[in-house]
C-alpha atoms as a PDB file:
ATOM      1  CA  UNK A   1      97.632 136.805  99.158  1.00  0.00           C
ATOM      2  CA  UNK A   2      94.903 134.282  99.954  1.00  0.00           C
ATOM      3  CA  UNK A   3      94.599 132.517 103.291  1.00  0.00           C
ATOM      4  CA  UNK A   4      95.677 128.900 103.483  1.00  0.00           C
ATOM      5  CA  UNK A   5      93.835 128.413 106.785  1.00  0.00           C
ATOM      6  CA  UNK A   6      91.078 125.791 106.699  1.00  0.00           C
ATOM      7  CA  UNK A   7      87.572 126.501 107.927  1.00  0.00           C
ATOM      8  CA  UNK A   8      86.362 124.633 111.019  1.00  0.00           C
ATOM      9  CA  UNK A   9      84.452 122.201 108.800  1.00  0.00           C
ATOM     10  CA  UNK A  10      87.468 121.619 106.525  1.00  0.00           C
ATOM     11  CA  UNK A  11      89.909 120.971 109.363  1.00  0.00           C
ATOM     12  CA  UNK A  12      87.550 118.608 111.184  1.00  0.00           C
ATOM     13  CA  UNK A  13      86.857 116.689 107.973  1.00  0.00           C
ATOM     14  CA  UNK A  14      90.595 116.455 107.264  1.00  0.00           C
ATOM     15  CA  UNK A  15      91.369 115.204 110.784  1.00  0.00           C
ATOM     16  CA  UNK A  16      88.652 112.563 110.432  1.00  0.00           C
ATOM     17  CA  UNK A  17      90.362 111.137 107.315  1.00  0.00           C
ATOM     18  CA  UNK A  18      92.904 108.356 107.755  1.00  0.00           C
ATOM     19  CA  UNK A  19      96.323 109.839 108.527  1.00  0.00           C
ATOM     20  CA  UNK A  20      99.098 108.718 110.815  1.00  0.00           C
ATOM     21  CA  UNK A  21      98.957 111.239 113.638  1.00  0.00           C
ATOM     22  CA  UNK A  22     101.973 112.695 115.355  1.00  0.00           C
ATOM     23  CA  UNK A  23     101.345 113.082 119.051  1.00  0.00           C
ATOM     24  CA  UNK A  24     103.234 115.862 120.840  1.00  0.00           C
ATOM     25  CA  UNK A  25     103.279 116.272 124.608  1.00  0.00           C
ATOM     26  CA  UNK A  26     105.524 118.293 126.886  1.00  0.00           C
ATOM     27  CA  UNK A  27     108.031 116.660 129.208  1.00  0.00           C
ATOM     28  CA  UNK A  28     109.858 118.259 132.082  1.00  0.00           C
ATOM     29  CA  UNK A  29     113.560 118.743 131.472  1.00  0.00           C
ATOM     30  CA  UNK A  30     113.444 117.215 128.005  1.00  0.00           C
ATOM     31  CA  UNK A  31     112.287 118.053 124.534  1.00  0.00           C
ATOM     32  CA  UNK A  32     108.576 117.430 123.924  1.00  0.00           C
ATOM     33  CA  UNK A  33     107.723 113.832 123.129  1.00  0.00           C
ATOM     34  CA  UNK A  34     106.684 113.538 119.471  1.00  0.00           C
ATOM     35  CA  UNK A  35     105.674 110.088 118.228  1.00  0.00           C
ATOM     36  CA  UNK A  36     103.453 108.650 115.484  1.00  0.00           C
ATOM     37  CA  UNK A  37     100.112 107.207 116.597  1.00  0.00           C
ATOM     38  CA  UNK A  38      96.925 105.740 115.224  1.00  0.00           C
ATOM     39  CA  UNK A  39      93.865 107.705 116.242  1.00  0.00           C
ATOM     40  CA  UNK A  40      90.152 108.102 115.633  1.00  0.00           C
ATOM     41  CA  UNK A  41      88.191 111.310 115.252  1.00  0.00           C
ATOM     42  CA  UNK A  42      84.713 112.264 114.097  1.00  0.00           C
ATOM     43  CA  UNK A  43      83.890 115.930 113.400  1.00  0.00           C
ATOM     44  CA  UNK A  44      82.694 117.672 116.536  1.00  0.00           C
ATOM     45  CA  UNK A  45      83.799 114.801 118.758  1.00  0.00           C
ATOM     46  CA  UNK A  46      86.754 113.778 120.845  1.00  0.00           C
ATOM     47  CA  UNK A  47      90.138 112.674 119.594  1.00  0.00           C
ATOM     48  CA  UNK A  48      90.725 109.026 120.616  1.00  0.00           C
ATOM     49  CA  UNK A  49      94.169 107.420 120.933  1.00  0.00           C
ATOM     50  CA  UNK A  50      94.725 103.849 122.144  1.00  0.00           C
ATOM     51  CA  UNK A  51      98.030 102.955 123.812  1.00  0.00           C
ATOM     52  CA  UNK A  52      99.654 100.782 126.450  1.00  0.00           C
ATOM     53  CA  UNK A  53      99.230 102.025 129.993  1.00  0.00           C
ATOM     54  CA  UNK A  54     102.560 102.855 131.614  1.00  0.00           C
ATOM     55  CA  UNK A  55     104.244 103.610 128.273  1.00  0.00           C
ATOM     56  CA  UNK A  56     106.378 106.727 127.818  1.00  0.00           C
ATOM     57  CA  UNK A  57     103.428 108.288 125.950  1.00  0.00           C
ATOM     58  CA  UNK A  58     100.968 107.429 128.687  1.00  0.00           C
ATOM     59  CA  UNK A  59     103.202 108.751 131.488  1.00  0.00           C
ATOM     60  CA  UNK A  60     103.908 112.028 129.672  1.00  0.00           C
ATOM     61  CA  UNK A  61     100.208 112.554 128.879  1.00  0.00           C
ATOM     62  CA  UNK A  62      99.149 111.864 132.470  1.00  0.00           C
ATOM     63  CA  UNK A  63     101.685 114.378 133.757  1.00  0.00           C
ATOM     64  CA  UNK A  64     100.944 117.108 131.195  1.00  0.00           C
ATOM     65  CA  UNK A  65      97.166 116.682 131.097  1.00  0.00           C
ATOM     66  CA  UNK A  66      97.008 117.941 127.507  1.00  0.00           C
ATOM     67  CA  UNK A  67      98.513 117.173 124.121  1.00  0.00           C
ATOM     68  CA  UNK A  68      98.668 118.141 120.477  1.00  0.00           C
ATOM     69  CA  UNK A  69      98.147 115.879 117.497  1.00  0.00           C
ATOM     70  CA  UNK A  70      99.097 116.761 113.945  1.00  0.00           C
ATOM     71  CA  UNK A  71      97.830 115.005 110.825  1.00  0.00           C
ATOM     72  CA  UNK A  72      99.232 115.811 107.402  1.00  0.00           C
ATOM     73  CA  UNK A  73      99.065 114.849 103.769  1.00  0.00           C
ATOM     74  CA  UNK A  74     102.363 114.093 102.110  1.00  0.00           C
ATOM     75  CA  UNK A  75     101.122 114.550  98.560  1.00  0.00           C
ATOM     76  CA  UNK A  76     100.164 117.684  96.676  1.00  0.00           C
ATOM     77  CA  UNK A  77      98.435 119.820  97.652  1.00  0.00           C
ATOM     78  CA  UNK A  78     100.111 119.682 101.075  1.00  0.00           C
ATOM     79  CA  UNK A  79      97.803 120.059 104.067  1.00  0.00           C
ATOM     80  CA  UNK A  80      98.031 119.731 107.806  1.00  0.00           C
ATOM     81  CA  UNK A  81      95.831 120.096 110.860  1.00  0.00           C
ATOM     82  CA  UNK A  82      96.986 120.356 114.456  1.00  0.00           C
ATOM     83  CA  UNK A  83      94.472 119.865 117.261  1.00  0.00           C
ATOM     84  CA  UNK A  84      95.407 120.732 120.841  1.00  0.00           C
ATOM     85  CA  UNK A  85      93.407 120.194 123.965  1.00  0.00           C
ATOM     86  CA  UNK A  86      92.981 118.789 127.436  1.00  0.00           C
ATOM     87  CA  UNK A  87      92.825 115.099 128.192  1.00  0.00           C
ATOM     88  CA  UNK A  88      89.261 114.280 129.222  1.00  0.00           C
ATOM     89  CA  UNK A  89      90.008 110.698 130.301  1.00  0.00           C
ATOM     90  CA  UNK A  90      92.873 108.230 130.120  1.00  0.00           C
ATOM     91  CA  UNK A  91      92.249 105.737 132.873  1.00  0.00           C
ATOM     92  CA  UNK A  92      90.344 102.885 131.212  1.00  0.00           C
ATOM     93  CA  UNK A  93      90.950 100.552 128.275  1.00  0.00           C
ATOM     94  CA  UNK A  94      89.020 101.103 125.068  1.00  0.00           C
ATOM     95  CA  UNK A  95      86.047  98.866 124.478  1.00  0.00           C
ATOM     96  CA  UNK A  96      86.619  96.170 121.885  1.00  0.00           C
ATOM     97  CA  UNK A  97      84.467  98.203 119.481  1.00  0.00           C
ATOM     98  CA  UNK A  98      86.570 101.355 120.032  1.00  0.00           C
ATOM     99  CA  UNK A  99      89.795  99.405 119.530  1.00  0.00           C
ATOM    100  CA  UNK A 100      88.441  97.777 116.360  1.00  0.00           C
ATOM    101  CA  UNK A 101      87.354 101.144 114.984  1.00  0.00           C
ATOM    102  CA  UNK A 102      90.868 102.549 115.435  1.00  0.00           C
ATOM    103  CA  UNK A 103      92.627  99.441 114.072  1.00  0.00           C
ATOM    104  CA  UNK A 104      90.313  99.142 111.057  1.00  0.00           C
ATOM    105  CA  UNK A 105      91.167 102.714 110.030  1.00  0.00           C
ATOM    106  CA  UNK A 106      94.756 101.577 109.414  1.00  0.00           C
ATOM    107  CA  UNK A 107      94.562  97.858 108.659  1.00  0.00           C
ATOM    108  CA  UNK A 108      92.404  95.582 106.548  1.00  0.00           C
ATOM    109  CA  UNK A 109      89.493  94.157 108.509  1.00  0.00           C
ATOM    110  CA  UNK A 110      91.026  90.718 109.214  1.00  0.00           C
ATOM    111  CA  UNK A 111      94.416  92.227 110.076  1.00  0.00           C
ATOM    112  CA  UNK A 112      92.807  94.860 112.297  1.00  0.00           C
ATOM    113  CA  UNK A 113      90.809  92.255 114.178  1.00  0.00           C
ATOM    114  CA  UNK A 114      93.915  90.108 114.706  1.00  0.00           C
ATOM    115  CA  UNK A 115      95.809  93.183 115.910  1.00  0.00           C
ATOM    116  CA  UNK A 116      93.097  94.009 118.449  1.00  0.00           C
ATOM    117  CA  UNK A 117      92.903  90.390 119.610  1.00  0.00           C
ATOM    118  CA  UNK A 118      96.645  90.434 120.315  1.00  0.00           C
ATOM    119  CA  UNK A 119      97.063  93.964 121.651  1.00  0.00           C
ATOM    120  CA  UNK A 120      93.927  94.889 123.618  1.00  0.00           C
ATOM    121  CA  UNK A 121      94.413  94.164 127.318  1.00  0.00           C
ATOM    122  CA  UNK A 122      93.512  95.397 130.782  1.00  0.00           C
ATOM    123  CA  UNK A 123      96.725  97.453 130.557  1.00  0.00           C
ATOM    124  CA  UNK A 124      95.467  99.321 127.467  1.00  0.00           C
ATOM    125  CA  UNK A 125      94.431 102.961 127.817  1.00  0.00           C
ATOM    126  CA  UNK A 126      92.060 105.013 125.687  1.00  0.00           C
ATOM    127  CA  UNK A 127      93.134 108.650 125.743  1.00  0.00           C
ATOM    128  CA  UNK A 128      90.225 110.998 125.061  1.00  0.00           C
ATOM    129  CA  UNK A 129      91.029 114.594 124.125  1.00  0.00           C
ATOM    130  CA  UNK A 130      88.712 117.541 123.527  1.00  0.00           C
ATOM    131  CA  UNK A 131      90.249 119.651 120.728  1.00  0.00           C
ATOM    132  CA  UNK A 132      90.187 123.318 121.735  1.00  0.00           C
ATOM    133  CA  UNK A 133      92.885 125.018 119.676  1.00  0.00           C
ATOM    134  CA  UNK A 134      93.557 124.384 116.013  1.00  0.00           C
ATOM    135  CA  UNK A 135      96.223 125.177 113.433  1.00  0.00           C
ATOM    136  CA  UNK A 136      95.739 124.311 109.787  1.00  0.00           C
ATOM    137  CA  UNK A 137      97.170 124.905 106.347  1.00  0.00           C
ATOM    138  CA  UNK A 138      95.868 123.875 102.933  1.00  0.00           C
ATOM    139  CA  UNK A 139      98.275 124.657 100.110  1.00  0.00           C
ATOM    140  CA  UNK A 140      95.469 123.825  97.684  1.00  0.00           C
ATOM    141  CA  UNK A 141      93.954 127.204  98.535  1.00  0.00           C
ATOM    142  CA  UNK A 142      96.750 129.018  96.649  1.00  0.00           C
END
């Protein structure tokens, strides 16, 4: 039986493609928080997630100090990558350029710019994560 596990280069390339991420973070006394998020990632770099400060996500991440993010394809051949790691920083808003880069991954340029203009604030937080542990599966390797 062949291995479906992606190489480091394959998983980083896959994570850098546009996918809705699913953020997972532990919570005391409750099930882990698992919510969809927009993110940015470049191979070898940090995982970047922009959110509102004080949100349920933000509070859980600050308490846990680490998180997992899964990205998947929902068409054949099915693939997924999970990246887990410590939070490097989550105490400042993204720059306008960082926010635009994230928004433009998911929206057309004009729509992304309008989204950033309406959503970026002093209350925004850019969560930066250093991926350390990976899980992956590529059913195309069958």
